[in-house]
């Protein structure tokens, strides 16, 4: 795993996979910590030879990427698919300079921590996660791989979140609740008890409302 921080005496470069809205934020973060972008790849044939923030988009994504790379795609399932199928990659972990992270926090490869996020002591975050703008994750939380914690969401102490789950913008989770895998927590929901895997949960308090059929 490569962890990039701001250091003008080092030449840091990486490849970016994806050229959508999330990628736009990743490129801005990369600029903030002096990371050069060597190539941008995408599987959308309609984007072939187009420009993205000054970079030519290369289509399709090659199966072998030798060197450092980051998957700048918001969809949790697609990030997982690319992370498991691409070869010879050294996945980069990105931390925005304005994020506040306790010294004992463990963060997996390919994860990004966005501007203004706070991660408190004892927390473990898996690989290829998105901890988005202004998210607050309190002490001793355990966040599985491919999770997305959306902007301004708040996780109290001891929360556990399973692989691939999406925590919607502004959601609040009380201490010690456990969320299953590949569940979607609706925006603004208040989670006060444990929730199952592969459900859309929503409301105040949040309740399961629909079983999710994963496509990836």
N, C-alpha and C. Protein backbone atom coordinates (compact mmCIF):
# COMPACT_ATOMS: atom_id res chain seq x y z
N UNK A 1 0.84 -1.19 0.00
CA UNK A 1 0.00 0.00 0.00
C UNK A 1 0.87 1.24 0.00
N UNK A 2 0.53 2.23 -0.81
CA UNK A 2 1.23 3.50 -0.84
C UNK A 2 0.34 4.56 -0.20
N UNK A 3 0.90 5.24 0.77
CA UNK A 3 0.20 6.33 1.46
C UNK A 3 0.85 7.63 1.04
N UNK A 4 0.11 8.51 0.37
CA UNK A 4 0.64 9.77 -0.12
C UNK A 4 0.27 10.89 0.82
N UNK A 5 1.24 11.69 1.20
CA UNK A 5 0.98 12.92 1.93
C UNK A 5 1.78 14.04 1.26
N UNK A 6 1.51 15.26 1.64
CA UNK A 6 2.13 16.40 0.96
C UNK A 6 3.63 16.44 1.25
N UNK A 7 4.45 16.34 0.22
CA UNK A 7 5.89 16.38 0.37
C UNK A 7 6.49 16.84 -0.95
N UNK A 8 6.89 18.10 -1.03
CA UNK A 8 7.36 18.66 -2.28
C UNK A 8 8.71 18.10 -2.71
N UNK A 9 9.39 17.37 -1.83
CA UNK A 9 10.68 16.80 -2.19
C UNK A 9 10.56 15.42 -2.83
N UNK A 10 9.35 14.92 -2.96
CA UNK A 10 9.14 13.61 -3.56
C UNK A 10 8.33 13.75 -4.84
N UNK A 11 8.63 12.91 -5.83
CA UNK A 11 7.85 12.89 -7.05
C UNK A 11 6.88 11.73 -6.97
N UNK A 12 5.63 12.04 -6.68
CA UNK A 12 4.60 11.03 -6.56
C UNK A 12 3.70 11.06 -7.78
N UNK A 13 3.43 9.89 -8.34
CA UNK A 13 2.57 9.78 -9.51
C UNK A 13 1.67 8.57 -9.38
N UNK A 14 0.52 8.63 -10.04
CA UNK A 14 -0.39 7.49 -10.02
C UNK A 14 -1.28 7.52 -11.25
N UNK A 15 -1.89 6.38 -11.53
CA UNK A 15 -2.92 6.22 -12.55
C UNK A 15 -4.28 6.32 -11.87
N UNK A 16 -5.25 6.91 -12.56
CA UNK A 16 -6.61 7.02 -12.04
C UNK A 16 -7.56 6.24 -12.93
N UNK A 17 -8.42 5.43 -12.30
CA UNK A 17 -9.43 4.66 -13.02
C UNK A 17 -10.79 5.30 -12.75
N UNK A 18 -11.41 5.80 -13.82
CA UNK A 18 -12.70 6.47 -13.71
C UNK A 18 -12.59 7.95 -14.05
N UNK A 19 -13.62 8.47 -14.71
CA UNK A 19 -13.60 9.88 -15.14
C UNK A 19 -14.96 10.54 -14.93
N UNK A 20 -15.57 10.24 -13.80
CA UNK A 20 -16.86 10.84 -13.45
C UNK A 20 -16.71 11.89 -12.37
N UNK A 21 -17.82 12.18 -11.69
CA UNK A 21 -17.80 13.21 -10.66
C UNK A 21 -16.87 12.91 -9.51
N UNK A 22 -16.84 11.65 -9.05
CA UNK A 22 -15.95 11.28 -7.95
C UNK A 22 -14.50 11.45 -8.36
N UNK A 23 -14.19 11.11 -9.60
CA UNK A 23 -12.82 11.27 -10.10
C UNK A 23 -12.39 12.74 -10.08
N UNK A 24 -13.32 13.63 -10.37
CA UNK A 24 -13.02 15.06 -10.33
C UNK A 24 -12.51 15.48 -8.94
N UNK A 25 -13.15 14.95 -7.90
CA UNK A 25 -12.73 15.27 -6.53
C UNK A 25 -11.38 14.63 -6.22
N UNK A 26 -11.18 13.41 -6.70
CA UNK A 26 -9.90 12.73 -6.46
C UNK A 26 -8.76 13.50 -7.11
N UNK A 27 -8.95 13.98 -8.32
CA UNK A 27 -7.89 14.75 -8.98
C UNK A 27 -7.57 16.03 -8.23
N UNK A 28 -8.60 16.67 -7.67
CA UNK A 28 -8.37 17.87 -6.88
C UNK A 28 -7.58 17.54 -5.61
N UNK A 29 -7.91 16.42 -4.97
CA UNK A 29 -7.17 15.98 -3.79
C UNK A 29 -5.72 15.67 -4.16
N UNK A 30 -5.52 14.99 -5.27
CA UNK A 30 -4.17 14.66 -5.72
C UNK A 30 -3.34 15.93 -5.91
N UNK A 31 -3.94 16.94 -6.49
CA UNK A 31 -3.24 18.21 -6.67
C UNK A 31 -2.85 18.82 -5.33
N UNK A 32 -3.74 18.70 -4.33
CA UNK A 32 -3.49 19.28 -3.02
C UNK A 32 -2.30 18.64 -2.31
N UNK A 33 -2.00 17.38 -2.64
CA UNK A 33 -0.87 16.70 -1.99
C UNK A 33 0.23 16.35 -2.99
N UNK A 34 0.26 17.09 -4.10
CA UNK A 34 1.37 17.03 -5.06
C UNK A 34 1.56 15.66 -5.69
N UNK A 35 0.46 15.06 -6.11
CA UNK A 35 0.54 13.79 -6.83
C UNK A 35 0.28 14.06 -8.30
N UNK A 36 1.18 13.60 -9.16
CA UNK A 36 0.97 13.72 -10.59
C UNK A 36 0.10 12.60 -11.13
N UNK A 37 -0.71 12.89 -12.12
CA UNK A 37 -1.57 11.90 -12.76
C UNK A 37 -0.95 11.51 -14.10
N UNK A 38 -0.58 10.24 -14.24
CA UNK A 38 0.06 9.80 -15.48
C UNK A 38 -0.95 9.41 -16.55
N UNK A 39 -2.02 8.72 -16.17
CA UNK A 39 -3.06 8.31 -17.11
C UNK A 39 -4.41 8.27 -16.41
N UNK A 40 -5.47 8.49 -17.18
CA UNK A 40 -6.84 8.28 -16.70
C UNK A 40 -7.50 7.25 -17.61
N UNK A 41 -7.97 6.17 -17.00
CA UNK A 41 -8.61 5.08 -17.74
C UNK A 41 -10.10 5.04 -17.46
N UNK A 42 -10.87 4.58 -18.44
CA UNK A 42 -12.31 4.43 -18.27
C UNK A 42 -12.78 3.33 -19.22
N UNK A 43 -13.85 2.61 -18.85
CA UNK A 43 -14.40 1.56 -19.71
C UNK A 43 -15.54 2.05 -20.60
N UNK A 44 -15.91 3.31 -20.50
CA UNK A 44 -16.99 3.87 -21.31
C UNK A 44 -16.45 4.22 -22.70
N UNK A 45 -16.87 3.48 -23.73
CA UNK A 45 -16.36 3.68 -25.08
C UNK A 45 -16.68 5.07 -25.63
N UNK A 46 -17.74 5.70 -25.12
CA UNK A 46 -18.11 7.03 -25.58
C UNK A 46 -17.11 8.11 -25.13
N UNK A 47 -16.26 7.76 -24.17
CA UNK A 47 -15.28 8.73 -23.66
C UNK A 47 -13.91 8.60 -24.33
N UNK A 48 -13.78 7.70 -25.27
CA UNK A 48 -12.49 7.46 -25.93
C UNK A 48 -11.96 8.75 -26.56
N UNK A 49 -10.73 9.09 -26.21
CA UNK A 49 -10.01 10.26 -26.74
C UNK A 49 -10.57 11.60 -26.28
N UNK A 50 -11.53 11.59 -25.37
CA UNK A 50 -12.01 12.85 -24.80
C UNK A 50 -11.04 13.34 -23.72
N UNK A 51 -11.15 14.60 -23.37
CA UNK A 51 -10.33 15.18 -22.32
C UNK A 51 -11.12 15.25 -21.01
N UNK A 52 -10.41 15.00 -19.92
CA UNK A 52 -10.99 15.11 -18.59
C UNK A 52 -10.04 15.91 -17.71
N UNK A 53 -10.42 17.15 -17.41
CA UNK A 53 -9.58 18.05 -16.61
C UNK A 53 -8.15 18.13 -17.15
N UNK A 54 -8.05 18.21 -18.46
CA UNK A 54 -6.75 18.34 -19.10
C UNK A 54 -6.04 17.05 -19.42
N UNK A 55 -6.62 15.92 -19.04
CA UNK A 55 -6.01 14.61 -19.29
C UNK A 55 -6.82 13.86 -20.35
N UNK A 56 -6.15 13.19 -21.27
CA UNK A 56 -6.85 12.36 -22.24
C UNK A 56 -7.35 11.09 -21.57
N UNK A 57 -8.61 10.74 -21.82
CA UNK A 57 -9.18 9.51 -21.27
C UNK A 57 -8.80 8.34 -22.18
N UNK A 58 -8.24 7.30 -21.57
CA UNK A 58 -7.83 6.11 -22.31
C UNK A 58 -8.85 5.00 -22.07
N UNK A 59 -9.40 4.47 -23.17
CA UNK A 59 -10.42 3.43 -23.12
C UNK A 59 -9.91 2.20 -23.87
N UNK A 60 -10.13 0.98 -23.34
CA UNK A 60 -10.71 0.63 -22.04
C UNK A 60 -9.65 0.60 -20.94
N UNK A 61 -10.07 0.21 -19.74
CA UNK A 61 -9.12 0.01 -18.64
C UNK A 61 -8.31 -1.25 -18.91
N UNK A 62 -6.99 -1.16 -18.94
CA UNK A 62 -6.18 -2.36 -19.20
C UNK A 62 -6.23 -3.34 -18.03
N UNK A 63 -6.07 -4.61 -18.33
CA UNK A 63 -6.09 -5.63 -17.28
C UNK A 63 -4.85 -5.59 -16.40
N UNK A 64 -3.74 -5.09 -16.95
CA UNK A 64 -2.49 -5.01 -16.20
C UNK A 64 -2.08 -3.55 -16.08
N UNK A 65 -1.94 -3.07 -14.86
CA UNK A 65 -1.47 -1.71 -14.60
C UNK A 65 -0.26 -1.82 -13.69
N UNK A 66 0.91 -1.65 -14.23
CA UNK A 66 2.13 -1.76 -13.45
C UNK A 66 2.41 -0.43 -12.76
N UNK A 67 2.30 -0.40 -11.45
CA UNK A 67 2.57 0.83 -10.72
C UNK A 67 1.45 1.22 -9.79
N UNK A 68 1.47 2.48 -9.38
CA UNK A 68 0.51 2.98 -8.40
C UNK A 68 -0.77 3.44 -9.09
N UNK A 69 -1.90 3.12 -8.48
CA UNK A 69 -3.18 3.46 -9.09
C UNK A 69 -4.25 3.67 -8.02
N UNK A 70 -5.31 4.36 -8.44
CA UNK A 70 -6.45 4.60 -7.55
C UNK A 70 -7.74 4.46 -8.34
N UNK A 71 -8.74 3.78 -7.77
CA UNK A 71 -10.04 3.62 -8.41
C UNK A 71 -10.95 4.76 -7.97
N UNK A 72 -11.15 5.72 -8.87
CA UNK A 72 -11.94 6.92 -8.56
C UNK A 72 -13.36 6.75 -9.06
N UNK A 73 -14.05 5.76 -8.52
CA UNK A 73 -15.42 5.42 -8.93
C UNK A 73 -16.27 5.31 -7.66
N UNK A 74 -17.40 6.01 -7.64
CA UNK A 74 -18.22 6.04 -6.44
C UNK A 74 -18.99 4.76 -6.16
N UNK A 75 -19.32 3.98 -7.20
CA UNK A 75 -20.09 2.76 -7.02
C UNK A 75 -19.27 1.69 -6.30
N UNK A 76 -19.75 1.23 -5.17
CA UNK A 76 -18.99 0.28 -4.35
C UNK A 76 -18.73 -1.04 -5.06
N UNK A 77 -19.73 -1.55 -5.78
CA UNK A 77 -19.59 -2.83 -6.47
C UNK A 77 -18.55 -2.74 -7.58
N UNK A 78 -18.56 -1.64 -8.32
CA UNK A 78 -17.60 -1.49 -9.42
C UNK A 78 -16.18 -1.35 -8.88
N UNK A 79 -16.02 -0.62 -7.79
CA UNK A 79 -14.68 -0.54 -7.17
C UNK A 79 -14.19 -1.92 -6.78
N UNK A 80 -15.06 -2.74 -6.22
CA UNK A 80 -14.65 -4.09 -5.84
C UNK A 80 -14.25 -4.89 -7.07
N UNK A 81 -15.04 -4.80 -8.13
CA UNK A 81 -14.76 -5.57 -9.34
C UNK A 81 -13.38 -5.21 -9.92
N UNK A 82 -13.10 -3.91 -10.03
CA UNK A 82 -11.80 -3.50 -10.56
C UNK A 82 -10.65 -3.92 -9.64
N UNK A 83 -10.86 -3.79 -8.34
CA UNK A 83 -9.78 -4.13 -7.40
C UNK A 83 -9.41 -5.60 -7.46
N UNK A 84 -10.38 -6.45 -7.81
CA UNK A 84 -10.13 -7.89 -7.86
C UNK A 84 -9.67 -8.39 -9.22
N UNK A 85 -9.89 -7.59 -10.28
CA UNK A 85 -9.59 -8.07 -11.62
C UNK A 85 -8.28 -7.52 -12.19
N UNK A 86 -7.85 -6.37 -11.73
CA UNK A 86 -6.63 -5.77 -12.28
C UNK A 86 -5.38 -6.38 -11.65
N UNK A 87 -4.32 -6.46 -12.45
CA UNK A 87 -3.10 -7.15 -12.04
C UNK A 87 -1.94 -6.18 -11.89
N UNK A 88 -0.98 -6.56 -11.03
CA UNK A 88 0.29 -5.84 -10.84
C UNK A 88 0.11 -4.41 -10.35
N UNK A 89 -0.96 -4.14 -9.63
CA UNK A 89 -1.25 -2.78 -9.19
C UNK A 89 -0.81 -2.58 -7.74
N UNK A 90 -0.24 -1.41 -7.47
CA UNK A 90 0.01 -0.98 -6.09
C UNK A 90 -1.03 0.09 -5.76
N UNK A 91 -2.05 -0.30 -4.99
CA UNK A 91 -3.16 0.61 -4.73
C UNK A 91 -2.75 1.71 -3.76
N UNK A 92 -3.15 2.92 -4.09
CA UNK A 92 -2.80 4.11 -3.33
C UNK A 92 -3.89 4.42 -2.31
N UNK A 93 -3.47 4.90 -1.13
CA UNK A 93 -4.39 5.41 -0.13
C UNK A 93 -4.24 6.93 -0.08
N UNK A 94 -5.35 7.66 -0.17
CA UNK A 94 -5.32 9.11 -0.26
C UNK A 94 -5.97 9.75 0.97
N UNK A 95 -5.27 10.71 1.56
CA UNK A 95 -5.76 11.42 2.73
C UNK A 95 -5.70 12.92 2.46
N UNK A 96 -6.84 13.59 2.54
CA UNK A 96 -6.84 15.04 2.34
C UNK A 96 -6.12 15.73 3.49
N UNK A 97 -5.36 16.79 3.19
CA UNK A 97 -4.61 17.47 4.26
C UNK A 97 -5.47 18.01 5.39
N UNK A 98 -6.73 18.30 5.13
CA UNK A 98 -7.60 18.85 6.17
C UNK A 98 -8.30 17.79 7.01
N UNK A 99 -8.12 16.53 6.68
CA UNK A 99 -8.73 15.46 7.49
C UNK A 99 -8.01 15.34 8.83
N UNK A 100 -8.77 14.96 9.87
CA UNK A 100 -8.21 14.75 11.20
C UNK A 100 -8.31 13.27 11.53
N UNK A 101 -7.16 12.60 11.69
CA UNK A 101 -7.15 11.15 11.88
C UNK A 101 -6.26 10.82 13.07
N UNK A 102 -6.81 10.08 14.04
CA UNK A 102 -6.05 9.68 15.22
C UNK A 102 -4.87 8.80 14.82
N UNK A 103 -3.84 8.81 15.63
CA UNK A 103 -2.58 8.17 15.26
C UNK A 103 -2.67 6.65 15.17
N UNK A 104 -3.64 6.03 15.83
CA UNK A 104 -3.71 4.57 15.82
C UNK A 104 -4.75 4.03 14.84
N UNK A 105 -5.36 4.89 14.05
CA UNK A 105 -6.36 4.45 13.07
C UNK A 105 -5.68 3.63 11.97
N UNK A 106 -6.31 2.54 11.56
CA UNK A 106 -5.82 1.69 10.47
C UNK A 106 -6.71 1.91 9.26
N UNK A 107 -6.07 2.23 8.12
CA UNK A 107 -6.81 2.51 6.89
C UNK A 107 -6.26 1.61 5.78
N UNK A 108 -7.14 0.89 5.10
CA UNK A 108 -6.73 -0.07 4.08
C UNK A 108 -6.34 0.58 2.77
N UNK A 109 -5.74 -0.23 1.91
CA UNK A 109 -5.27 0.24 0.61
C UNK A 109 -6.44 0.67 -0.27
N UNK A 110 -6.19 1.68 -1.11
CA UNK A 110 -7.20 2.13 -2.05
C UNK A 110 -8.30 2.98 -1.47
N UNK A 111 -8.21 3.30 -0.19
CA UNK A 111 -9.24 4.10 0.48
C UNK A 111 -8.90 5.58 0.36
N UNK A 112 -9.93 6.42 0.31
CA UNK A 112 -9.75 7.87 0.33
C UNK A 112 -10.48 8.46 1.53
N UNK A 113 -9.82 9.41 2.20
CA UNK A 113 -10.43 10.17 3.28
C UNK A 113 -10.49 11.62 2.80
N UNK A 114 -11.69 12.13 2.62
CA UNK A 114 -11.90 13.43 1.99
C UNK A 114 -11.75 14.60 2.98
N UNK A 115 -11.87 15.79 2.42
CA UNK A 115 -11.67 17.03 3.18
C UNK A 115 -12.60 17.12 4.38
N UNK A 116 -12.03 17.53 5.52
CA UNK A 116 -12.82 17.81 6.70
C UNK A 116 -13.30 16.61 7.48
N UNK A 117 -12.94 15.41 7.06
CA UNK A 117 -13.36 14.20 7.78
C UNK A 117 -12.61 14.08 9.11
N UNK A 118 -13.26 13.43 10.06
CA UNK A 118 -12.66 13.18 11.38
C UNK A 118 -12.78 11.70 11.68
N UNK A 119 -11.66 11.07 12.01
CA UNK A 119 -11.65 9.65 12.36
C UNK A 119 -10.94 9.51 13.71
N UNK A 120 -11.67 9.01 14.70
CA UNK A 120 -11.18 8.99 16.07
C UNK A 120 -10.45 7.68 16.42
N UNK A 121 -9.77 7.63 17.59
CA UNK A 121 -8.90 6.50 17.94
C UNK A 121 -9.61 5.15 17.93
N UNK A 122 -8.83 4.13 17.61
CA UNK A 122 -9.29 2.75 17.67
C UNK A 122 -10.09 2.28 16.48
N UNK A 123 -10.27 3.14 15.49
CA UNK A 123 -11.09 2.79 14.33
C UNK A 123 -10.28 2.05 13.28
N UNK A 124 -10.92 1.09 12.61
CA UNK A 124 -10.29 0.35 11.51
C UNK A 124 -11.18 0.50 10.27
N UNK A 125 -10.54 0.90 9.17
CA UNK A 125 -11.26 1.11 7.91
C UNK A 125 -10.65 0.20 6.86
N UNK A 126 -11.50 -0.49 6.11
CA UNK A 126 -11.04 -1.47 5.14
C UNK A 126 -10.49 -0.86 3.87
N UNK A 127 -10.33 -1.69 2.85
CA UNK A 127 -9.73 -1.27 1.59
C UNK A 127 -10.78 -0.72 0.63
N UNK A 128 -10.33 0.21 -0.21
CA UNK A 128 -11.17 0.80 -1.27
C UNK A 128 -12.48 1.40 -0.72
N UNK A 129 -12.36 2.04 0.43
CA UNK A 129 -13.51 2.75 1.01
C UNK A 129 -13.47 4.22 0.61
N UNK A 130 -14.61 4.87 0.74
CA UNK A 130 -14.72 6.32 0.58
C UNK A 130 -15.23 6.90 1.89
N UNK A 131 -14.39 7.69 2.55
CA UNK A 131 -14.83 8.45 3.72
C UNK A 131 -14.98 9.88 3.22
N UNK A 132 -16.20 10.27 2.95
CA UNK A 132 -16.44 11.47 2.16
C UNK A 132 -16.42 12.75 3.00
N UNK A 133 -16.61 13.86 2.32
CA UNK A 133 -16.41 15.19 2.88
C UNK A 133 -17.16 15.39 4.20
N UNK A 134 -16.41 15.75 5.24
CA UNK A 134 -17.01 16.09 6.52
C UNK A 134 -17.60 14.94 7.30
N UNK A 135 -17.31 13.70 6.90
CA UNK A 135 -17.82 12.55 7.66
C UNK A 135 -17.13 12.49 9.03
N UNK A 136 -17.88 12.07 10.04
CA UNK A 136 -17.34 11.96 11.39
C UNK A 136 -17.48 10.51 11.87
N UNK A 137 -16.33 9.88 12.10
CA UNK A 137 -16.31 8.49 12.55
C UNK A 137 -15.64 8.45 13.91
N UNK A 138 -16.41 8.08 14.92
CA UNK A 138 -15.90 8.15 16.28
C UNK A 138 -15.06 6.91 16.63
N UNK A 139 -14.72 6.78 17.90
CA UNK A 139 -13.76 5.78 18.35
C UNK A 139 -14.24 4.35 18.14
N UNK A 140 -13.28 3.46 17.87
CA UNK A 140 -13.49 2.00 17.86
C UNK A 140 -14.54 1.53 16.85
N UNK A 141 -14.70 2.25 15.77
CA UNK A 141 -15.57 1.75 14.70
C UNK A 141 -14.81 0.77 13.82
N UNK A 142 -15.56 -0.15 13.21
CA UNK A 142 -14.98 -1.12 12.27
C UNK A 142 -15.76 -1.01 10.96
N UNK A 143 -15.07 -0.59 9.91
CA UNK A 143 -15.71 -0.36 8.62
C UNK A 143 -15.11 -1.33 7.61
N UNK A 144 -15.95 -2.14 6.99
CA UNK A 144 -15.50 -3.17 6.06
C UNK A 144 -15.01 -2.60 4.74
N UNK A 145 -14.53 -3.49 3.88
CA UNK A 145 -14.03 -3.10 2.56
C UNK A 145 -15.16 -2.54 1.70
N UNK A 146 -14.81 -1.62 0.79
CA UNK A 146 -15.71 -1.08 -0.25
C UNK A 146 -16.92 -0.32 0.31
N UNK A 147 -16.80 0.18 1.52
CA UNK A 147 -17.86 0.98 2.13
C UNK A 147 -17.73 2.43 1.69
N UNK A 148 -18.86 3.11 1.55
CA UNK A 148 -18.88 4.55 1.27
C UNK A 148 -19.66 5.23 2.39
N UNK A 149 -18.97 6.09 3.14
CA UNK A 149 -19.61 6.92 4.16
C UNK A 149 -19.75 8.31 3.56
N UNK A 150 -20.98 8.70 3.25
CA UNK A 150 -21.25 9.91 2.48
C UNK A 150 -21.01 11.19 3.29
N UNK A 151 -20.99 12.35 2.62
CA UNK A 151 -20.72 13.61 3.31
C UNK A 151 -21.63 13.86 4.52
N UNK A 152 -20.97 14.37 5.57
CA UNK A 152 -21.66 14.81 6.80
C UNK A 152 -22.38 13.69 7.54
N UNK A 153 -22.05 12.45 7.25
CA UNK A 153 -22.59 11.34 8.04
C UNK A 153 -21.82 11.26 9.36
N UNK A 154 -22.50 10.73 10.38
CA UNK A 154 -21.89 10.63 11.71
C UNK A 154 -22.06 9.23 12.27
N UNK A 155 -20.93 8.60 12.60
CA UNK A 155 -20.92 7.28 13.22
C UNK A 155 -20.42 7.44 14.64
N UNK A 156 -21.25 7.08 15.61
CA UNK A 156 -20.83 7.15 17.00
C UNK A 156 -19.88 5.99 17.32
N UNK A 157 -19.38 5.95 18.54
CA UNK A 157 -18.38 4.96 18.91
C UNK A 157 -18.87 3.53 18.78
N UNK A 158 -17.97 2.64 18.35
CA UNK A 158 -18.24 1.21 18.33
C UNK A 158 -19.15 0.73 17.23
N UNK A 159 -19.40 1.54 16.22
CA UNK A 159 -20.26 1.12 15.11
C UNK A 159 -19.50 0.15 14.20
N UNK A 160 -20.21 -0.86 13.70
CA UNK A 160 -19.64 -1.84 12.77
C UNK A 160 -20.43 -1.81 11.47
N UNK A 161 -19.73 -1.68 10.34
CA UNK A 161 -20.38 -1.61 9.03
C UNK A 161 -19.79 -2.68 8.12
N UNK A 162 -20.65 -3.51 7.53
CA UNK A 162 -20.21 -4.61 6.69
C UNK A 162 -19.77 -4.17 5.31
N UNK A 163 -19.12 -5.07 4.60
CA UNK A 163 -18.58 -4.81 3.26
C UNK A 163 -19.62 -4.21 2.33
N UNK A 164 -19.19 -3.21 1.56
CA UNK A 164 -19.99 -2.69 0.47
C UNK A 164 -21.17 -1.82 0.84
N UNK A 165 -21.36 -1.54 2.11
CA UNK A 165 -22.51 -0.76 2.54
C UNK A 165 -22.32 0.73 2.22
N UNK A 166 -23.42 1.39 1.88
CA UNK A 166 -23.42 2.82 1.61
C UNK A 166 -24.17 3.53 2.72
N UNK A 167 -23.50 4.48 3.39
CA UNK A 167 -24.12 5.28 4.44
C UNK A 167 -24.47 6.63 3.83
N UNK A 168 -25.76 6.92 3.64
CA UNK A 168 -26.21 8.09 2.91
C UNK A 168 -25.85 9.40 3.58
N UNK A 169 -25.90 10.46 2.80
CA UNK A 169 -25.50 11.79 3.27
C UNK A 169 -26.32 12.20 4.50
N UNK A 170 -25.61 12.65 5.52
CA UNK A 170 -26.25 13.14 6.72
C UNK A 170 -26.85 12.08 7.63
N UNK A 171 -26.60 10.80 7.37
CA UNK A 171 -27.12 9.75 8.25
C UNK A 171 -26.39 9.77 9.59
N UNK A 172 -27.11 9.33 10.64
CA UNK A 172 -26.53 9.27 11.99
C UNK A 172 -26.71 7.86 12.55
N UNK A 173 -25.64 7.30 13.11
CA UNK A 173 -25.68 5.96 13.68
C UNK A 173 -25.28 6.06 15.15
N UNK A 174 -26.14 5.56 16.05
CA UNK A 174 -25.85 5.65 17.48
C UNK A 174 -24.78 4.63 17.86
N UNK A 175 -24.22 4.71 19.08
CA UNK A 175 -23.12 3.82 19.46
C UNK A 175 -23.47 2.34 19.37
N UNK A 176 -22.48 1.57 18.90
CA UNK A 176 -22.46 0.11 18.96
C UNK A 176 -23.47 -0.60 18.06
N UNK A 177 -24.08 0.11 17.11
CA UNK A 177 -24.96 -0.60 16.19
C UNK A 177 -24.12 -1.31 15.12
N UNK A 178 -24.69 -2.36 14.57
CA UNK A 178 -24.02 -3.16 13.55
C UNK A 178 -24.87 -3.16 12.28
N UNK A 179 -24.22 -2.87 11.14
CA UNK A 179 -24.90 -2.84 9.85
C UNK A 179 -24.34 -3.97 8.99
N UNK A 180 -25.20 -4.71 8.30
CA UNK A 180 -24.77 -5.83 7.48
C UNK A 180 -24.04 -5.40 6.22
N UNK A 181 -23.78 -6.36 5.33
CA UNK A 181 -23.05 -6.11 4.09
C UNK A 181 -23.99 -5.63 2.98
N UNK A 182 -23.46 -4.74 2.12
CA UNK A 182 -24.14 -4.28 0.91
C UNK A 182 -25.54 -3.72 1.18
N UNK A 183 -25.66 -3.07 2.31
CA UNK A 183 -26.89 -2.38 2.67
C UNK A 183 -26.77 -0.91 2.30
N UNK A 184 -27.89 -0.26 2.04
CA UNK A 184 -27.93 1.18 1.75
C UNK A 184 -28.70 1.86 2.87
N UNK A 185 -28.05 2.82 3.52
CA UNK A 185 -28.69 3.62 4.55
C UNK A 185 -29.10 4.94 3.91
N UNK A 186 -30.39 5.21 3.88
CA UNK A 186 -30.90 6.39 3.19
C UNK A 186 -30.42 7.69 3.80
N UNK A 187 -30.38 8.73 2.98
CA UNK A 187 -29.93 10.05 3.42
C UNK A 187 -30.76 10.54 4.61
N UNK A 188 -30.05 11.07 5.62
CA UNK A 188 -30.71 11.65 6.78
C UNK A 188 -31.30 10.65 7.75
N UNK A 189 -31.08 9.37 7.53
CA UNK A 189 -31.66 8.36 8.42
C UNK A 189 -30.96 8.36 9.78
N UNK A 190 -31.70 7.93 10.80
CA UNK A 190 -31.15 7.80 12.15
C UNK A 190 -31.23 6.32 12.53
N UNK A 191 -30.06 5.70 12.66
CA UNK A 191 -29.99 4.26 12.91
C UNK A 191 -29.78 4.03 14.40
N UNK A 192 -30.77 3.37 15.04
CA UNK A 192 -30.70 3.17 16.49
C UNK A 192 -30.63 1.70 16.88
N UNK A 193 -30.69 0.80 15.89
CA UNK A 193 -30.52 -0.62 16.20
C UNK A 193 -29.87 -1.34 15.02
N UNK A 194 -29.47 -2.58 15.22
CA UNK A 194 -28.76 -3.34 14.21
C UNK A 194 -29.61 -3.50 12.94
N UNK A 195 -28.92 -3.60 11.78
CA UNK A 195 -29.62 -3.69 10.51
C UNK A 195 -29.06 -4.85 9.68
N UNK A 196 -29.89 -5.48 8.85
CA UNK A 196 -29.48 -6.67 8.10
C UNK A 196 -28.66 -6.33 6.86
N UNK A 197 -28.12 -7.37 6.23
CA UNK A 197 -27.41 -7.23 4.97
C UNK A 197 -28.37 -7.06 3.81
N UNK A 198 -27.91 -6.35 2.77
CA UNK A 198 -28.57 -6.26 1.47
C UNK A 198 -30.01 -5.73 1.56
N UNK A 199 -30.18 -4.68 2.37
CA UNK A 199 -31.47 -4.00 2.45
C UNK A 199 -31.28 -2.50 2.28
N UNK A 200 -32.29 -1.85 1.71
CA UNK A 200 -32.40 -0.41 1.81
C UNK A 200 -33.07 -0.12 3.14
N UNK A 201 -32.40 0.66 3.98
CA UNK A 201 -33.01 1.06 5.25
C UNK A 201 -33.14 2.57 5.26
N UNK A 202 -34.22 3.05 5.86
CA UNK A 202 -34.51 4.47 5.75
C UNK A 202 -35.42 4.90 6.89
N UNK A 203 -35.27 6.16 7.30
CA UNK A 203 -36.22 6.74 8.24
C UNK A 203 -35.62 7.15 9.56
N UNK A 204 -36.51 7.67 10.43
CA UNK A 204 -36.13 8.09 11.78
C UNK A 204 -37.14 7.54 12.77
N UNK A 205 -36.86 6.41 13.39
CA UNK A 205 -35.63 5.61 13.24
C UNK A 205 -35.65 4.80 11.94
N UNK A 206 -34.46 4.42 11.49
CA UNK A 206 -34.33 3.69 10.23
C UNK A 206 -34.84 2.26 10.37
N UNK A 207 -35.56 1.82 9.32
CA UNK A 207 -36.09 0.46 9.26
C UNK A 207 -35.84 -0.12 7.87
N UNK A 208 -35.70 -1.45 7.74
CA UNK A 208 -35.56 -2.06 6.41
C UNK A 208 -36.84 -1.85 5.60
N UNK A 209 -36.70 -1.37 4.36
CA UNK A 209 -37.88 -1.12 3.54
C UNK A 209 -37.87 -1.90 2.23
N UNK A 210 -36.68 -2.39 1.80
CA UNK A 210 -36.64 -3.07 0.51
C UNK A 210 -35.39 -3.93 0.42
N UNK A 211 -35.54 -5.16 -0.05
CA UNK A 211 -34.40 -6.04 -0.29
C UNK A 211 -33.66 -5.57 -1.54
N UNK A 212 -32.33 -5.56 -1.49
CA UNK A 212 -31.51 -5.09 -2.61
C UNK A 212 -31.06 -6.27 -3.44
N UNK A 213 -31.20 -6.14 -4.74
CA UNK A 213 -30.69 -7.14 -5.69
C UNK A 213 -29.40 -6.61 -6.29
N UNK A 214 -28.27 -7.09 -5.84
CA UNK A 214 -26.98 -6.62 -6.33
C UNK A 214 -26.77 -7.07 -7.78
N UNK A 215 -26.26 -6.12 -8.60
CA UNK A 215 -26.01 -6.41 -10.01
C UNK A 215 -24.54 -6.74 -10.28
N UNK A 216 -23.65 -6.42 -9.35
CA UNK A 216 -22.23 -6.64 -9.58
C UNK A 216 -21.68 -7.59 -8.53
